[in-house]
Amino acid sequence: MNSNPLWDVAAVEQAVSRVAAMRPAYSAIIGFYGAVFVAQAHAAEKTSPAEIRLDNELLEMKTKEGFSLVEPSAFTVDIPAAEKLLPQICEIAIRSGEKLGAAGEALTRAMGDGVAMDGLFADVLTDKGRIAELAKTMDVSPQMISLLLYLAVKPSIAAGVRQLAARLTGSQENQSNCPICGSAPIIGELDDDGKQWSHCSLCWHRWPVKRLACPFCNNRDNHSLEYLYNEDEPEYRVNLCGRCRRYLKVVDTRKMDRGFYPPLEQVASLHLDLLAAEKEYSHAVASTISNLESLN
């Protein structure tokens, strides 16, 4: 059994069930992602990608200078595990709607025609253009194809994160982007002690950040930092920075009566992204937000 709560099957199933009941307006998007998250949790138990090798001297330099440990392309993929998970995700997509369904059907046909998935899995992390070429030949959205492939390799990425996180040293609080892969944060968290954390938009590594500072530009001027809050959703807040005009949703776990599963809370709070956009604030991972909104 996987000891990481992010991949605990029972915990994921319970979180999905609770949020689905609370957010009937999100039935379509939670119907898709909820099933995917559970499938990923099952797959994670049997996913073992190759070790990510790092030069110790380079690692020491990166840690000292505050650089991320690796580029996204350094993550290795357990190809057999991803190939087993992908058809499940495609089937969920086919049941979930027009845009996702077209992408799911296209990938299912590609697998049936013998198209090698390993190169496409790698393209999720390297962007060499193979996904765009396949999408063009099948007349489907490359963004939707990329999304389904990413969801299939995510358990491999998570395994790499567990390996790399053990090699992080020193404070991570001054790092705006993910200390593991350098990607921007997608959602924040306030834990039981009131400490704030960021969650990576790609690998979902969790790292501590300064609470009274913009996570993107490190602005600490109280006059240009504010947040949106709704008493009907006390667990959510949207931190706004007037200097860089970016925002980050933050979940206060002290005000939750359900388990905290970060990817689920991200997709179940898209109305907050729309609210921030109406106020002319943007997100550092706008393409990801846009893909999620297109599923709702």
C-alpha atoms as a PDB file:
ATOM      1  CA  MET A   1       0.000   0.000   0.000  1.00  0.00           C
ATOM      2  CA  ASN A   2       1.276   3.488  -0.879  1.00  0.00           C
ATOM      3  CA  SER A   3       1.971   5.492   2.277  1.00  0.00           C
ATOM      4  CA  ASN A   4       1.689   8.835   0.483  1.00  0.00           C
ATOM      5  CA  PRO A   5      -1.809  10.271   1.214  1.00  0.00           C
ATOM      6  CA  LEU A   6      -1.846  11.798  -2.276  1.00  0.00           C
ATOM      7  CA  TRP A   7      -1.990   8.251  -3.631  1.00  0.00           C
ATOM      8  CA  ASP A   8      -3.977   6.453  -0.924  1.00  0.00           C
ATOM      9  CA  VAL A   9      -6.876   4.864  -2.811  1.00  0.00           C
ATOM     10  CA  ALA A  10      -9.365   4.966   0.059  1.00  0.00           C
ATOM     11  CA  ALA A  11      -8.527   8.588   0.883  1.00  0.00           C
ATOM     12  CA  VAL A  12      -8.882   9.639  -2.753  1.00  0.00           C
ATOM     13  CA  GLU A  13     -12.205   7.829  -3.142  1.00  0.00           C
ATOM     14  CA  GLN A  14     -13.552   9.440   0.018  1.00  0.00           C
ATOM     15  CA  ALA A  15     -12.416  12.924  -1.029  1.00  0.00           C
ATOM     16  CA  VAL A  16     -13.980  12.548  -4.474  1.00  0.00           C
ATOM     17  CA  SER A  17     -17.271  11.357  -2.982  1.00  0.00           C
ATOM     18  CA  ARG A  18     -17.449  14.262  -0.521  1.00  0.00           C
ATOM     19  CA  VAL A  19     -16.589  16.964  -3.041  1.00  0.00           C
ATOM     20  CA  ALA A  20     -18.958  15.545  -5.673  1.00  0.00           C
ATOM     21  CA  ALA A  21     -21.815  15.765  -3.161  1.00  0.00           C
ATOM     22  CA  MET A  22     -20.866  19.329  -2.215  1.00  0.00           C
ATOM     23  CA  ARG A  23     -20.358  20.611  -5.770  1.00  0.00           C
ATOM     24  CA  PRO A  24     -23.263  19.417  -7.964  1.00  0.00           C
ATOM     25  CA  ALA A  25     -22.482  22.207 -10.453  1.00  0.00           C
ATOM     26  CA  TYR A  26     -19.166  20.480 -11.089  1.00  0.00           C
ATOM     27  CA  SER A  27     -20.658  17.067 -11.793  1.00  0.00           C
ATOM     28  CA  ALA A  28     -19.095  16.774 -15.263  1.00  0.00           C
ATOM     29  CA  ILE A  29     -15.578  17.809 -14.324  1.00  0.00           C
ATOM     30  CA  ILE A  30     -15.543  15.847 -11.048  1.00  0.00           C
ATOM     31  CA  GLY A  31     -17.061  12.884 -12.847  1.00  0.00           C
ATOM     32  CA  PHE A  32     -14.032  12.842 -15.112  1.00  0.00           C
ATOM     33  CA  TYR A  33     -11.251  13.821 -12.717  1.00  0.00           C
ATOM     34  CA  GLY A  34     -12.625  11.873  -9.785  1.00  0.00           C
ATOM     35  CA  ALA A  35     -12.495   8.638 -11.753  1.00  0.00           C
ATOM     36  CA  VAL A  36      -9.045   9.513 -13.089  1.00  0.00           C
ATOM     37  CA  PHE A  37      -7.670  10.292  -9.627  1.00  0.00           C
ATOM     38  CA  VAL A  38      -8.867   6.945  -8.299  1.00  0.00           C
ATOM     39  CA  ALA A  39      -7.375   5.119 -11.305  1.00  0.00           C
ATOM     40  CA  GLN A  40      -4.081   6.944 -10.768  1.00  0.00           C
ATOM     41  CA  ALA A  41      -4.031   6.000  -7.092  1.00  0.00           C
ATOM     42  CA  HIS A  42      -4.473   2.321  -7.994  1.00  0.00           C
ATOM     43  CA  ALA A  43      -1.771   2.586 -10.678  1.00  0.00           C
ATOM     44  CA  ALA A  44       0.674   4.340  -8.343  1.00  0.00           C
ATOM     45  CA  GLU A  45       0.899   1.213  -6.201  1.00  0.00           C
ATOM     46  CA  LYS A  46       2.516  -0.651  -9.108  1.00  0.00           C
ATOM     47  CA  THR A  47       4.473   2.171 -10.773  1.00  0.00           C
ATOM     48  CA  SER A  48       8.274   2.058 -10.511  1.00  0.00           C
ATOM     49  CA  PRO A  49      10.075   4.300 -13.022  1.00  0.00           C
ATOM     50  CA  ALA A  50      13.835   4.164 -13.479  1.00  0.00           C
ATOM     51  CA  GLU A  51      15.924   6.099 -10.995  1.00  0.00           C
ATOM     52  CA  ILE A  52      16.668   9.719 -11.853  1.00  0.00           C
ATOM     53  CA  ARG A  53      20.433  10.075 -11.685  1.00  0.00           C
ATOM     54  CA  LEU A  54      21.901  13.363 -10.464  1.00  0.00           C
ATOM     55  CA  ASP A  55      25.506  14.472 -10.299  1.00  0.00           C
ATOM     56  CA  ASN A  56      26.255  15.176  -6.627  1.00  0.00           C
ATOM     57  CA  GLU A  57      28.363  18.243  -7.368  1.00  0.00           C
ATOM     58  CA  LEU A  58      25.693  19.723  -9.623  1.00  0.00           C
ATOM     59  CA  LEU A  59      23.034  18.884  -7.052  1.00  0.00           C
ATOM     60  CA  GLU A  60      24.972  20.723  -4.348  1.00  0.00           C
ATOM     61  CA  MET A  61      25.361  23.790  -6.567  1.00  0.00           C
ATOM     62  CA  LYS A  62      21.669  23.871  -7.490  1.00  0.00           C
ATOM     63  CA  THR A  63      20.598  23.492  -3.888  1.00  0.00           C
ATOM     64  CA  LYS A  64      22.974  26.225  -2.735  1.00  0.00           C
ATOM     65  CA  GLU A  65      21.860  28.676  -5.429  1.00  0.00           C
ATOM     66  CA  GLY A  66      18.154  27.905  -5.054  1.00  0.00           C
ATOM     67  CA  PHE A  67      17.688  26.329  -8.486  1.00  0.00           C
ATOM     68  CA  SER A  68      15.254  23.486  -9.131  1.00  0.00           C
ATOM     69  CA  LEU A  69      16.865  20.048  -9.037  1.00  0.00           C
ATOM     70  CA  VAL A  70      15.822  18.943 -12.542  1.00  0.00           C
ATOM     71  CA  GLU A  71      14.090  19.988 -15.723  1.00  0.00           C
ATOM     72  CA  PRO A  72      10.708  18.303 -16.321  1.00  0.00           C
ATOM     73  CA  SER A  73      12.315  16.215 -19.069  1.00  0.00           C
ATOM     74  CA  ALA A  74      14.463  14.477 -16.432  1.00  0.00           C
ATOM     75  CA  PHE A  75      11.489  12.563 -15.030  1.00  0.00           C
ATOM     76  CA  THR A  76      11.472   8.935 -16.103  1.00  0.00           C
ATOM     77  CA  VAL A  77       8.318   7.069 -17.038  1.00  0.00           C
ATOM     78  CA  ASP A  78       7.382   3.508 -16.171  1.00  0.00           C
ATOM     79  CA  ILE A  79       6.205   2.797 -19.720  1.00  0.00           C
ATOM     80  CA  PRO A  80       4.336  -0.495 -19.001  1.00  0.00           C
ATOM     81  CA  ALA A  81       2.496   1.117 -16.068  1.00  0.00           C
ATOM     82  CA  ALA A  82       1.578   4.201 -18.112  1.00  0.00           C
ATOM     83  CA  GLU A  83       0.470   2.047 -21.052  1.00  0.00           C
ATOM     84  CA  LYS A  84      -1.802   0.105 -18.716  1.00  0.00           C
ATOM     85  CA  LEU A  85      -3.277   3.267 -17.186  1.00  0.00           C
ATOM     86  CA  LEU A  86      -3.797   5.205 -20.431  1.00  0.00           C
ATOM     87  CA  PRO A  87      -6.638   3.015 -21.828  1.00  0.00           C
ATOM     88  CA  GLN A  88      -8.481   3.434 -18.524  1.00  0.00           C
ATOM     89  CA  ILE A  89      -8.135   7.200 -18.752  1.00  0.00           C
ATOM     90  CA  CYS A  90      -9.234   7.167 -22.388  1.00  0.00           C
ATOM     91  CA  GLU A  91     -12.337   5.170 -21.467  1.00  0.00           C
ATOM     92  CA  ILE A  92     -13.165   7.670 -18.707  1.00  0.00           C
ATOM     93  CA  ALA A  93     -12.661  10.500 -21.208  1.00  0.00           C
ATOM     94  CA  ILE A  94     -14.929   8.871 -23.799  1.00  0.00           C
ATOM     95  CA  ARG A  95     -17.712   8.770 -21.216  1.00  0.00           C
ATOM     96  CA  SER A  96     -17.135  12.359 -20.161  1.00  0.00           C
ATOM     97  CA  GLY A  97     -17.974  14.623 -23.083  1.00  0.00           C
ATOM     98  CA  GLU A  98     -17.333  15.797 -26.604  1.00  0.00           C
ATOM     99  CA  LYS A  99     -13.863  17.354 -26.340  1.00  0.00           C
ATOM    100  CA  LEU A 100     -12.437  14.743 -24.013  1.00  0.00           C
ATOM    101  CA  GLY A 101     -14.274  11.972 -25.772  1.00  0.00           C
ATOM    102  CA  ALA A 102     -12.714  12.842 -29.131  1.00  0.00           C
ATOM    103  CA  ALA A 103      -9.240  12.817 -27.603  1.00  0.00           C
ATOM    104  CA  GLY A 104      -9.920   9.536 -25.798  1.00  0.00           C
ATOM    105  CA  GLU A 105     -11.163   7.906 -28.963  1.00  0.00           C
ATOM    106  CA  ALA A 106      -8.178   9.213 -30.937  1.00  0.00           C
ATOM    107  CA  LEU A 107      -5.655   7.801 -28.480  1.00  0.00           C
ATOM    108  CA  THR A 108      -7.548   4.514 -28.295  1.00  0.00           C
ATOM    109  CA  ARG A 109      -7.364   4.233 -32.094  1.00  0.00           C
ATOM    110  CA  ALA A 110      -3.678   5.150 -32.041  1.00  0.00           C
ATOM    111  CA  MET A 111      -2.947   2.390 -29.517  1.00  0.00           C
ATOM    112  CA  GLY A 112      -4.956  -0.066 -31.599  1.00  0.00           C
ATOM    113  CA  ASP A 113      -2.980   0.940 -34.710  1.00  0.00           C
ATOM    114  CA  GLY A 114       0.301   0.239 -32.925  1.00  0.00           C
ATOM    115  CA  VAL A 115       1.450   3.839 -32.434  1.00  0.00           C
ATOM    116  CA  ALA A 116       4.313   3.798 -29.911  1.00  0.00           C
ATOM    117  CA  MET A 117       3.179   5.500 -26.736  1.00  0.00           C
ATOM    118  CA  ASP A 118       6.632   5.831 -25.155  1.00  0.00           C
ATOM    119  CA  GLY A 119       7.592   8.730 -27.431  1.00  0.00           C
ATOM    120  CA  LEU A 120       4.295  10.461 -26.739  1.00  0.00           C
ATOM    121  CA  PHE A 121       4.709   9.991 -23.000  1.00  0.00           C
ATOM    122  CA  ALA A 122       8.142  11.609 -23.249  1.00  0.00           C
ATOM    123  CA  ASP A 123       6.683  14.444 -25.310  1.00  0.00           C
ATOM    124  CA  VAL A 124       4.474  15.435 -22.373  1.00  0.00           C
ATOM    125  CA  LEU A 125       7.698  16.443 -20.602  1.00  0.00           C
ATOM    126  CA  THR A 126       9.855  17.551 -23.540  1.00  0.00           C
ATOM    127  CA  ASP A 127       7.387  19.040 -26.053  1.00  0.00           C
ATOM    128  CA  LYS A 128       9.123  17.757 -29.173  1.00  0.00           C
ATOM    129  CA  GLY A 129       6.019  18.079 -31.320  1.00  0.00           C
ATOM    130  CA  ARG A 130       4.947  14.448 -31.664  1.00  0.00           C
ATOM    131  CA  ILE A 131       1.693  15.044 -29.803  1.00  0.00           C
ATOM    132  CA  ALA A 132       0.795  17.945 -32.071  1.00  0.00           C
ATOM    133  CA  GLU A 133       1.541  15.825 -35.148  1.00  0.00           C
ATOM    134  CA  LEU A 134      -0.681  12.972 -33.929  1.00  0.00           C
ATOM    135  CA  ALA A 135      -3.465  15.381 -32.995  1.00  0.00           C
ATOM    136  CA  LYS A 136      -3.332  16.964 -36.459  1.00  0.00           C
ATOM    137  CA  THR A 137      -3.585  13.628 -38.246  1.00  0.00           C
ATOM    138  CA  MET A 138      -6.614  12.701 -36.122  1.00  0.00           C
ATOM    139  CA  ASP A 139      -8.211  16.181 -36.159  1.00  0.00           C
ATOM    140  CA  VAL A 140      -8.450  16.483 -32.382  1.00  0.00           C
ATOM    141  CA  SER A 141      -7.234  19.025 -29.850  1.00  0.00           C
ATOM    142  CA  PRO A 142      -3.502  18.618 -29.033  1.00  0.00           C
ATOM    143  CA  GLN A 143      -4.192  20.122 -25.598  1.00  0.00           C
ATOM    144  CA  MET A 144      -6.695  17.374 -24.806  1.00  0.00           C
ATOM    145  CA  ILE A 145      -4.305  14.679 -26.074  1.00  0.00           C
ATOM    146  CA  SER A 146      -1.522  16.143 -23.930  1.00  0.00           C
ATOM    147  CA  LEU A 147      -3.815  16.207 -20.913  1.00  0.00           C
ATOM    148  CA  LEU A 148      -4.734  12.523 -21.194  1.00  0.00           C
ATOM    149  CA  LEU A 149      -1.100  11.509 -21.704  1.00  0.00           C
ATOM    150  CA  TYR A 150       0.012  13.608 -18.743  1.00  0.00           C
ATOM    151  CA  LEU A 151      -2.609  11.996 -16.527  1.00  0.00           C
ATOM    152  CA  ALA A 152      -1.243   8.578 -17.538  1.00  0.00           C
ATOM    153  CA  VAL A 153       2.373   9.455 -16.644  1.00  0.00           C
ATOM    154  CA  LYS A 154       1.545  11.363 -13.461  1.00  0.00           C
ATOM    155  CA  PRO A 155       2.084   8.343 -11.144  1.00  0.00           C
ATOM    156  CA  SER A 156       5.582   7.986 -12.649  1.00  0.00           C
ATOM    157  CA  ILE A 157       6.267  11.675 -12.056  1.00  0.00           C
ATOM    158  CA  ALA A 158       5.055  11.331  -8.481  1.00  0.00           C
ATOM    159  CA  ALA A 159       7.443   8.428  -7.916  1.00  0.00           C
ATOM    160  CA  GLY A 160      10.281  10.598  -9.211  1.00  0.00           C
ATOM    161  CA  VAL A 161       9.272  13.390  -6.850  1.00  0.00           C
ATOM    162  CA  ARG A 162       9.426  11.068  -3.862  1.00  0.00           C
ATOM    163  CA  GLN A 163      12.946  10.122  -4.887  1.00  0.00           C
ATOM    164  CA  LEU A 164      14.129  13.677  -5.514  1.00  0.00           C
ATOM    165  CA  ALA A 165      12.480  15.249  -2.477  1.00  0.00           C
ATOM    166  CA  ALA A 166      14.781  13.203  -0.273  1.00  0.00           C
ATOM    167  CA  ARG A 167      17.734  15.050  -1.831  1.00  0.00           C
ATOM    168  CA  LEU A 168      16.479  18.560  -1.139  1.00  0.00           C
ATOM    169  CA  THR A 169      18.451  20.357   1.530  1.00  0.00           C
ATOM    170  CA  GLY A 170      18.118  23.740   3.160  1.00  0.00           C
ATOM    171  CA  SER A 171      15.132  26.070   3.191  1.00  0.00           C
ATOM    172  CA  GLN A 172      12.721  26.125   0.258  1.00  0.00           C
ATOM    173  CA  GLU A 173      10.704  29.105   1.489  1.00  0.00           C
ATOM    174  CA  ASN A 174      12.327  31.625  -0.851  1.00  0.00           C
ATOM    175  CA  GLN A 175      11.601  29.626  -4.008  1.00  0.00           C
ATOM    176  CA  SER A 176       8.710  30.914  -6.090  1.00  0.00           C
ATOM    177  CA  ASN A 177       8.715  27.912  -8.404  1.00  0.00           C
ATOM    178  CA  CYS A 178       8.893  24.218  -7.572  1.00  0.00           C
ATOM    179  CA  PRO A 179      12.224  23.250  -5.981  1.00  0.00           C
ATOM    180  CA  ILE A 180      11.998  19.884  -7.755  1.00  0.00           C
ATOM    181  CA  CYS A 181      11.137  20.706 -11.391  1.00  0.00           C
ATOM    182  CA  GLY A 182      10.930  24.503 -11.590  1.00  0.00           C
ATOM    183  CA  SER A 183       7.245  24.648 -12.563  1.00  0.00           C
ATOM    184  CA  ALA A 184       4.916  27.303 -11.136  1.00  0.00           C
ATOM    185  CA  PRO A 185       2.609  26.583  -8.198  1.00  0.00           C
ATOM    186  CA  ILE A 186      -1.012  25.887  -9.030  1.00  0.00           C
ATOM    187  CA  ILE A 187      -2.657  25.916  -5.592  1.00  0.00           C
ATOM    188  CA  GLY A 188      -1.698  26.747  -2.013  1.00  0.00           C
ATOM    189  CA  GLU A 189      -2.456  25.190   1.343  1.00  0.00           C
ATOM    190  CA  LEU A 190      -2.655  26.375   4.931  1.00  0.00           C
ATOM    191  CA  ASP A 191      -1.961  23.437   7.238  1.00  0.00           C
ATOM    192  CA  ASP A 192      -3.218  22.745  10.757  1.00  0.00           C
ATOM    193  CA  ASP A 193      -0.531  25.038  12.192  1.00  0.00           C
ATOM    194  CA  GLY A 194      -1.318  27.904   9.823  1.00  0.00           C
ATOM    195  CA  LYS A 195       1.834  27.336   7.789  1.00  0.00           C
ATOM    196  CA  GLN A 196       1.495  27.970   4.054  1.00  0.00           C
ATOM    197  CA  TRP A 197       2.565  25.571   1.314  1.00  0.00           C
ATOM    198  CA  SER A 198       2.558  25.629  -2.478  1.00  0.00           C
ATOM    199  CA  HIS A 199       1.757  22.669  -4.736  1.00  0.00           C
ATOM    200  CA  CYS A 200       3.516  22.321  -8.097  1.00  0.00           C
ATOM    201  CA  SER A 201       1.417  22.487 -11.268  1.00  0.00           C
ATOM    202  CA  LEU A 202       3.393  19.673 -12.923  1.00  0.00           C
ATOM    203  CA  CYS A 203       4.843  17.264 -10.385  1.00  0.00           C
ATOM    204  CA  TRP A 204       2.664  18.269  -7.389  1.00  0.00           C
ATOM    205  CA  HIS A 205       5.609  18.561  -5.011  1.00  0.00           C
ATOM    206  CA  ARG A 206       4.602  20.434  -1.862  1.00  0.00           C
ATOM    207  CA  TRP A 207       6.987  23.018  -0.420  1.00  0.00           C
ATOM    208  CA  PRO A 208       6.760  25.652   2.355  1.00  0.00           C
ATOM    209  CA  VAL A 209       6.443  29.323   1.420  1.00  0.00           C
ATOM    210  CA  LYS A 210       6.255  32.608   3.283  1.00  0.00           C
ATOM    211  CA  ARG A 211       2.667  33.367   4.149  1.00  0.00           C
ATOM    212  CA  LEU A 212       2.763  37.172   3.844  1.00  0.00           C
ATOM    213  CA  ALA A 213       4.377  37.345   0.420  1.00  0.00           C
ATOM    214  CA  CYS A 214       3.366  36.884  -3.202  1.00  0.00           C
ATOM    215  CA  PRO A 215       4.472  33.377  -4.249  1.00  0.00           C
ATOM    216  CA  PHE A 216       5.314  34.633  -7.741  1.00  0.00           C
ATOM    217  CA  CYS A 217       7.182  37.957  -7.328  1.00  0.00           C
ATOM    218  CA  ASN A 218       7.928  37.813  -3.572  1.00  0.00           C
ATOM    219  CA  ASN A 219       6.132  41.125  -3.029  1.00  0.00           C
ATOM    220  CA  ARG A 220       5.727  41.755   0.711  1.00  0.00           C
ATOM    221  CA  ASP A 221       4.020  45.143   0.575  1.00  0.00           C
ATOM    222  CA  ASN A 222       0.810  44.734   2.569  1.00  0.00           C
ATOM    223  CA  HIS A 223      -0.811  47.581   0.657  1.00  0.00           C
ATOM    224  CA  SER A 224      -0.628  45.653  -2.625  1.00  0.00           C
ATOM    225  CA  LEU A 225      -1.466  42.222  -1.216  1.00  0.00           C
ATOM    226  CA  GLU A 226      -5.087  41.271  -0.627  1.00  0.00           C
ATOM    227  CA  TYR A 227      -7.367  38.282  -0.848  1.00  0.00           C
ATOM    228  CA  LEU A 228     -10.887  37.318  -1.849  1.00  0.00           C
ATOM    229  CA  TYR A 229     -12.998  35.383   0.622  1.00  0.00           C
ATOM    230  CA  ASN A 230     -16.553  34.053   0.711  1.00  0.00           C
ATOM    231  CA  GLU A 231     -18.161  33.111   4.017  1.00  0.00           C
ATOM    232  CA  ASP A 232     -20.090  30.346   2.244  1.00  0.00           C
ATOM    233  CA  GLU A 233     -16.761  28.671   1.357  1.00  0.00           C
ATOM    234  CA  PRO A 234     -14.577  29.389   4.409  1.00  0.00           C
ATOM    235  CA  GLU A 235     -11.903  26.894   3.351  1.00  0.00           C
ATOM    236  CA  TYR A 236     -11.060  28.870   0.189  1.00  0.00           C
ATOM    237  CA  ARG A 237      -9.327  32.166  -0.338  1.00  0.00           C
ATOM    238  CA  VAL A 238      -7.735  33.753  -3.384  1.00  0.00           C
ATOM    239  CA  ASN A 239      -4.499  35.623  -2.716  1.00  0.00           C
ATOM    240  CA  LEU A 240      -4.013  38.594  -5.051  1.00  0.00           C
ATOM    241  CA  CYS A 241      -0.840  40.562  -5.780  1.00  0.00           C
ATOM    242  CA  GLY A 242      -1.340  44.095  -7.036  1.00  0.00           C
ATOM    243  CA  ARG A 243       2.264  44.318  -8.175  1.00  0.00           C
ATOM    244  CA  CYS A 244       2.511  41.375 -10.610  1.00  0.00           C
ATOM    245  CA  ARG A 245      -1.294  41.012 -11.035  1.00  0.00           C
ATOM    246  CA  ARG A 246      -1.205  37.294 -10.359  1.00  0.00           C
ATOM    247  CA  TYR A 247      -3.275  35.199  -7.991  1.00  0.00           C
ATOM    248  CA  LEU A 248      -3.130  31.874  -6.178  1.00  0.00           C
ATOM    249  CA  LYS A 249      -5.992  29.935  -4.668  1.00  0.00           C
ATOM    250  CA  VAL A 250      -5.249  28.762  -1.124  1.00  0.00           C
ATOM    251  CA  VAL A 251      -7.121  26.078   0.801  1.00  0.00           C
ATOM    252  CA  ASP A 252      -7.270  26.471   4.573  1.00  0.00           C
ATOM    253  CA  THR A 253      -7.353  22.871   5.757  1.00  0.00           C
ATOM    254  CA  ARG A 254      -8.242  24.016   9.294  1.00  0.00           C
ATOM    255  CA  LYS A 255     -11.683  24.935   7.967  1.00  0.00           C
ATOM    256  CA  MET A 256     -12.350  21.659   6.178  1.00  0.00           C
ATOM    257  CA  ASP A 257     -14.384  18.698   7.385  1.00  0.00           C
ATOM    258  CA  ARG A 258     -13.106  16.490   4.558  1.00  0.00           C
ATOM    259  CA  GLY A 259      -9.740  15.114   3.510  1.00  0.00           C
ATOM    260  CA  PHE A 260      -7.529  17.492   1.555  1.00  0.00           C
ATOM    261  CA  TYR A 261      -6.651  16.174  -1.898  1.00  0.00           C
ATOM    262  CA  PRO A 262      -4.957  19.098  -3.711  1.00  0.00           C
ATOM    263  CA  PRO A 263      -5.638  18.143  -7.372  1.00  0.00           C
ATOM    264  CA  LEU A 264      -9.324  17.649  -6.567  1.00  0.00           C
ATOM    265  CA  GLU A 265      -9.632  20.982  -4.761  1.00  0.00           C
ATOM    266  CA  GLN A 266      -8.002  22.647  -7.763  1.00  0.00           C
ATOM    267  CA  VAL A 267     -10.565  21.369 -10.267  1.00  0.00           C
ATOM    268  CA  ALA A 268     -13.505  21.858  -7.878  1.00  0.00           C
ATOM    269  CA  SER A 269     -12.850  25.577  -7.392  1.00  0.00           C
ATOM    270  CA  LEU A 270     -12.672  26.892 -10.949  1.00  0.00           C
ATOM    271  CA  HIS A 271     -15.289  29.532 -10.117  1.00  0.00           C
ATOM    272  CA  LEU A 272     -12.560  31.227  -8.094  1.00  0.00           C
ATOM    273  CA  ASP A 273     -10.290  31.324 -11.144  1.00  0.00           C
ATOM    274  CA  LEU A 274     -13.104  32.989 -13.078  1.00  0.00           C
ATOM    275  CA  LEU A 275     -13.600  35.503 -10.264  1.00  0.00           C
ATOM    276  CA  ALA A 276      -9.904  36.405 -10.246  1.00  0.00           C
ATOM    277  CA  ALA A 277      -9.910  36.736 -14.038  1.00  0.00           C
ATOM    278  CA  GLU A 278     -12.891  39.105 -13.867  1.00  0.00           C
ATOM    279  CA  LYS A 279     -10.771  41.321 -11.630  1.00  0.00           C
ATOM    280  CA  GLU A 280      -7.985  41.160 -14.252  1.00  0.00           C
ATOM    281  CA  TYR A 281      -5.619  38.914 -12.312  1.00  0.00           C
ATOM    282  CA  SER A 282      -3.879  36.063 -14.129  1.00  0.00           C
ATOM    283  CA  HIS A 283      -2.466  32.706 -13.073  1.00  0.00           C
ATOM    284  CA  ALA A 284       1.104  31.590 -13.724  1.00  0.00           C
ATOM    285  CA  VAL A 285      -0.220  28.360 -15.262  1.00  0.00           C
ATOM    286  CA  ALA A 286      -3.010  29.902 -17.315  1.00  0.00           C
ATOM    287  CA  SER A 287      -2.891  27.155 -19.973  1.00  0.00           C
ATOM    288  CA  THR A 288      -3.679  24.523 -17.356  1.00  0.00           C
ATOM    289  CA  ILE A 289      -6.561  26.588 -15.996  1.00  0.00           C
ATOM    290  CA  SER A 290      -7.891  27.079 -19.514  1.00  0.00           C
ATOM    291  CA  ASN A 291      -7.814  23.322 -20.190  1.00  0.00           C
ATOM    292  CA  LEU A 292      -9.729  22.654 -16.982  1.00  0.00           C
ATOM    293  CA  GLU A 293     -12.356  25.298 -17.739  1.00  0.00           C
ATOM    294  CA  SER A 294     -12.957  23.772 -21.173  1.00  0.00           C
ATOM    295  CA  LEU A 295     -14.038  20.526 -19.507  1.00  0.00           C
ATOM    296  CA  ASN A 296     -16.689  22.120 -17.314  1.00  0.00           C
END
